Every structure is written in C-alpha cells, then in structure tokens.
C-alpha atoms as a PDB file:
ATOM      1  CA  MET A   1       1.648 -13.909  -3.426  1.00  0.00           C
ATOM      2  CA  GLN A   2       1.131 -10.922  -5.658  1.00  0.00           C
ATOM      3  CA  LEU A   3       0.188  -7.513  -4.340  1.00  0.00           C
ATOM      4  CA  SER A   4      -2.822  -5.786  -5.788  1.00  0.00           C
ATOM      5  CA  LYS A   5      -2.224  -2.935  -8.202  1.00  0.00           C
ATOM      6  CA  PHE A   6      -3.704  -0.667  -5.545  1.00  0.00           C
ATOM      7  CA  SER A   7      -0.975  -1.535  -3.023  1.00  0.00           C
ATOM      8  CA  ASP A   8       1.700  -1.448  -5.715  1.00  0.00           C
ATOM      9  CA  TYR A   9       0.687   2.051  -6.826  1.00  0.00           C
ATOM     10  CA  SER A  10       0.365   3.155  -3.204  1.00  0.00           C
ATOM     11  CA  PHE A  11       3.993   2.243  -2.543  1.00  0.00           C
ATOM     12  CA  ARG A  12       5.165   3.825  -5.778  1.00  0.00           C
ATOM     13  CA  ALA A  13       3.189   7.026  -5.135  1.00  0.00           C
ATOM     14  CA  LEU A  14       4.787   7.331  -1.697  1.00  0.00           C
ATOM     15  CA  ILE A  15       8.247   6.767  -3.178  1.00  0.00           C
ATOM     16  CA  TYR A  16       7.618   9.365  -5.878  1.00  0.00           C
ATOM     17  CA  LEU A  17       6.361  11.950  -3.392  1.00  0.00           C
ATOM     18  CA  GLY A  18       9.203  11.090  -1.019  1.00  0.00           C
ATOM     19  CA  ASN A  19      11.701  11.895  -3.754  1.00  0.00           C
ATOM     20  CA  LYS A  20       9.925  15.188  -4.562  1.00  0.00           C
ATOM     21  CA  ARG A  21       9.520  16.527  -1.038  1.00  0.00           C
ATOM     22  CA  ASP A  22      10.442  20.096  -2.012  1.00  0.00           C
ATOM     23  CA  THR A  23       7.613  20.381  -4.541  1.00  0.00           C
ATOM     24  CA  GLN A  24       3.958  19.524  -4.858  1.00  0.00           C
ATOM     25  CA  CYS A  25       2.709  17.374  -7.682  1.00  0.00           C
ATOM     26  CA  THR A  26      -0.685  16.697  -9.209  1.00  0.00           C
ATOM     27  CA  VAL A  27      -2.651  13.491  -9.523  1.00  0.00           C
ATOM     28  CA  ASP A  28      -2.233  13.723 -13.301  1.00  0.00           C
ATOM     29  CA  GLU A  29       1.549  14.010 -12.950  1.00  0.00           C
ATOM     30  CA  LEU A  30       1.640  11.075 -10.554  1.00  0.00           C
ATOM     31  CA  ALA A  31      -0.533   8.939 -12.845  1.00  0.00           C
ATOM     32  CA  ALA A  32       1.601   9.752 -15.886  1.00  0.00           C
ATOM     33  CA  GLU A  33       4.833   9.075 -14.018  1.00  0.00           C
ATOM     34  CA  LEU A  34       3.559   5.740 -12.690  1.00  0.00           C
ATOM     35  CA  ASN A  35       1.920   4.772 -16.002  1.00  0.00           C
ATOM     36  CA  THR A  36      -1.618   4.318 -14.702  1.00  0.00           C
ATOM     37  CA  SER A  37      -4.944   6.036 -15.215  1.00  0.00           C
ATOM     38  CA  THR A  38      -5.776   9.265 -13.439  1.00  0.00           C
ATOM     39  CA  HIS A  39      -8.999   7.657 -12.228  1.00  0.00           C
ATOM     40  CA  HIS A  40      -7.108   4.825 -10.525  1.00  0.00           C
ATOM     41  CA  MET A  41      -4.525   7.215  -9.063  1.00  0.00           C
ATOM     42  CA  LYS A  42      -7.288   9.386  -7.597  1.00  0.00           C
ATOM     43  CA  LYS A  43      -8.524   6.365  -5.623  1.00  0.00           C
ATOM     44  CA  VAL A  44      -5.003   5.609  -4.387  1.00  0.00           C
ATOM     45  CA  VAL A  45      -4.366   9.234  -3.401  1.00  0.00           C
ATOM     46  CA  HIS A  46      -7.728   9.479  -1.649  1.00  0.00           C
ATOM     47  CA  LYS A  47      -6.967   6.400   0.471  1.00  0.00           C
ATOM     48  CA  LEU A  48      -3.414   7.531   1.289  1.00  0.00           C
ATOM     49  CA  ALA A  49      -4.681  11.010   2.195  1.00  0.00           C
ATOM     50  CA  ASN A  50      -7.344   9.543   4.498  1.00  0.00           C
ATOM     51  CA  LEU A  51      -4.611   7.527   6.211  1.00  0.00           C
ATOM     52  CA  GLY A  52      -2.450  10.647   6.637  1.00  0.00           C
ATOM     53  CA  TYR A  53       0.390   9.496   4.387  1.00  0.00           C
ATOM     54  CA  ILE A  54      -0.335  12.202   1.801  1.00  0.00           C
ATOM     55  CA  GLN A  55      -1.465  15.795   2.159  1.00  0.00           C
ATOM     56  CA  SER A  56      -3.806  16.885  -0.593  1.00  0.00           C
ATOM     57  CA  GLN A  57      -4.547  20.538  -1.105  1.00  0.00           C
ATOM     58  CA  LYS A  58      -7.161  21.664  -3.613  1.00  0.00           C
ATOM     59  CA  GLY A  59      -7.159  24.881  -5.549  1.00  0.00           C
ATOM     60  CA  ARG A  60      -4.908  26.907  -7.764  1.00  0.00           C
ATOM     61  CA  ASN A  61      -1.782  26.399  -5.667  1.00  0.00           C
ATOM     62  CA  GLY A  62      -2.809  22.922  -4.537  1.00  0.00           C
ATOM     63  CA  GLY A  63      -1.206  19.588  -5.043  1.00  0.00           C
ATOM     64  CA  LEU A  64       0.081  16.516  -3.328  1.00  0.00           C
ATOM     65  CA  ARG A  65       2.948  15.967  -0.936  1.00  0.00           C
ATOM     66  CA  LEU A  66       3.915  13.554   1.790  1.00  0.00           C
ATOM     67  CA  GLY A  67       1.901  14.026   4.957  1.00  0.00           C
ATOM     68  CA  MET A  68       4.452  12.355   7.223  1.00  0.00           C
ATOM     69  CA  GLU A  69       8.184  12.034   7.503  1.00  0.00           C
ATOM     70  CA  PRO A  70       9.456   9.052   5.459  1.00  0.00           C
ATOM     71  CA  LYS A  71      10.997   7.504   8.589  1.00  0.00           C
ATOM     72  CA  ASP A  72       7.503   7.408  10.141  1.00  0.00           C
ATOM     73  CA  ILE A  73       5.840   5.579   7.238  1.00  0.00           C
ATOM     74  CA  ASN A  74       6.062   1.873   8.014  1.00  0.00           C
ATOM     75  CA  LEU A  75       5.765  -0.286   4.894  1.00  0.00           C
ATOM     76  CA  GLY A  76       3.985  -3.110   6.730  1.00  0.00           C
ATOM     77  CA  THR A  77       1.322  -0.722   7.961  1.00  0.00           C
ATOM     78  CA  VAL A  78       0.891   0.686   4.452  1.00  0.00           C
ATOM     79  CA  LEU A  79       0.589  -2.837   3.084  1.00  0.00           C
ATOM     80  CA  GLN A  80      -2.075  -3.847   5.583  1.00  0.00           C
ATOM     81  CA  SER A  81      -3.971  -0.592   4.978  1.00  0.00           C
ATOM     82  CA  THR A  82      -4.002  -0.840   1.196  1.00  0.00           C
ATOM     83  CA  GLU A  83      -4.238  -4.563   0.483  1.00  0.00           C
ATOM     84  CA  GLU A  84      -7.904  -5.505   0.462  1.00  0.00           C
ATOM     85  CA  ASN A  85      -7.578  -9.262   0.581  1.00  0.00           C
ATOM     86  CA  MET A  86      -4.667 -10.771   2.484  1.00  0.00           C
ATOM     87  CA  GLY A  87      -6.086 -14.285   2.175  1.00  0.00           C
ATOM     88  CA  ILE A  88      -3.519 -15.988  -0.015  1.00  0.00           C
ATOM     89  CA  MET A  89      -5.666 -19.106  -0.389  1.00  0.00           C
ATOM     90  CA  ASP A  90      -9.377 -19.506  -1.024  1.00  0.00           C
ATOM     91  CA  CYS A  91      -9.785 -21.556   2.140  1.00  0.00           C
ATOM     92  CA  PHE A  92      -8.746 -18.585   4.322  1.00  0.00           C
ATOM     93  CA  SER A  93     -12.384 -17.496   4.403  1.00  0.00           C
ATOM     94  CA  GLN A  94     -13.530 -20.890   5.734  1.00  0.00           C
ATOM     95  CA  GLN A  95     -13.394 -22.115   9.322  1.00  0.00           C
ATOM     96  CA  ASP A  96     -12.402 -25.696   8.509  1.00  0.00           C
ATOM     97  CA  CYS A  97     -11.131 -27.389   5.389  1.00  0.00           C
ATOM     98  CA  PRO A  98     -14.057 -29.054   3.585  1.00  0.00           C
ATOM     99  CA  LEU A  99     -11.684 -31.787   2.369  1.00  0.00           C
ATOM    100  CA  LEU A 100      -9.766 -32.649   5.503  1.00  0.00           C
ATOM    101  CA  HIS A 101     -10.635 -31.895   9.121  1.00  0.00           C
ATOM    102  CA  GLY A 102      -7.674 -30.293  10.910  1.00  0.00           C
ATOM    103  CA  CYS A 103      -5.801 -29.429   7.702  1.00  0.00           C
ATOM    104  CA  THR A 104      -2.450 -27.823   8.538  1.00  0.00           C
ATOM    105  CA  LEU A 105      -1.938 -26.152   5.159  1.00  0.00           C
ATOM    106  CA  LYS A 106      -3.898 -23.102   6.314  1.00  0.00           C
ATOM    107  CA  ARG A 107      -1.687 -22.801   9.416  1.00  0.00           C
ATOM    108  CA  ILE A 108       1.460 -22.949   7.271  1.00  0.00           C
ATOM    109  CA  ALA A 109       0.074 -20.351   4.872  1.00  0.00           C
ATOM    110  CA  ASN A 110      -0.849 -18.079   7.802  1.00  0.00           C
ATOM    111  CA  ARG A 111       2.716 -18.254   9.118  1.00  0.00           C
ATOM    112  CA  ALA A 112       4.096 -17.525   5.654  1.00  0.00           C
ATOM    113  CA  LEU A 113       1.786 -14.521   5.308  1.00  0.00           C
ATOM    114  CA  ALA A 114       2.808 -13.249   8.756  1.00  0.00           C
ATOM    115  CA  ALA A 115       6.480 -13.505   7.745  1.00  0.00           C
ATOM    116  CA  PHE A 116       5.729 -11.631   4.505  1.00  0.00           C
ATOM    117  CA  ILE A 117       4.017  -8.805   6.394  1.00  0.00           C
ATOM    118  CA  GLN A 118       6.781  -8.754   9.016  1.00  0.00           C
ATOM    119  CA  GLU A 119       9.438  -8.271   6.342  1.00  0.00           C
ATOM    120  CA  PHE A 120       7.594  -5.190   5.067  1.00  0.00           C
ATOM    121  CA  SER A 121       7.159  -4.022   8.671  1.00  0.00           C
ATOM    122  CA  ASN A 122      10.925  -4.089   9.167  1.00  0.00           C
ATOM    123  CA  HIS A 123      11.248  -1.152   6.770  1.00  0.00           C
ATOM    124  CA  THR A 124      10.071   2.429   6.354  1.00  0.00           C
ATOM    125  CA  LEU A 125       9.688   4.673   3.343  1.00  0.00           C
ATOM    126  CA  GLN A 126      13.020   6.219   4.295  1.00  0.00           C
ATOM    127  CA  ASP A 127      14.695   2.882   3.496  1.00  0.00           C
ATOM    128  CA  LEU A 128      13.418   3.138  -0.089  1.00  0.00           C
ATOM    129  CA  LEU A 129      14.517   6.710  -0.749  1.00  0.00           C
END
C-alpha cells in the first residue's frame, strides 16, 4: 500500500510544525521545505486546520503552528482523516467478488489494512519528534 501524497505531506507538515513550535511559519515556507507546490500545501493546511491539528492565522503577523500538543495527535487518526481511499484493492467497492462467490481475499486484505492502520494508531506525533 502506498499513501497518497496528501497524507504524506500532512504527516510531514505536522512534523515540521512540531519541530518549530516556538515560531510560526508560512504556507510558502512549508511548501519549499517539503518540496511541493504552494497550491498543494494550501489544500493540506486547510484540511489540517479544519481538523484542529494546525492553527492558521491570517494577516501581517499570521502564520501556521500546531493546534494541538504533539502527544494528542494520533497518527492513525490523521491517516484516516487525510487518506481519501483506503480500499487497497479494486474489489473493496463491490459487495461480492464477480469471479468467485465467497472470495476470502477481500477478508484477508481488510485484516491487513486494519493492522496497517492500527500500527499508525499506536503512535503520536510526539513519537516522531
């Protein structure tokens, strides 16, 4: 499984802001530091701000900073909030396998995905800083 760029940049933005807790940074700074476009970073920041992970203040003295303590930011929750499609196989969107009734592959993949999410859930942003 590969995370979307959106989730990847969400994690990296949180790590960056977690390491710069004494200062505010801009979207442009964050985008440059993470080697992505400002446009893409604006979308990431908007989502993270709506979820409460980032505080965003507009204006002359504005900027970005963490909106929560790193110990309170669960990585599994971030993952599930930022990853649009957790279906790791095309057949996840279907009720039954069109090839084989009662196919167990989907059940195995669901358990693997649950274990993947659980591993992220065992950690907080604090663990990464």
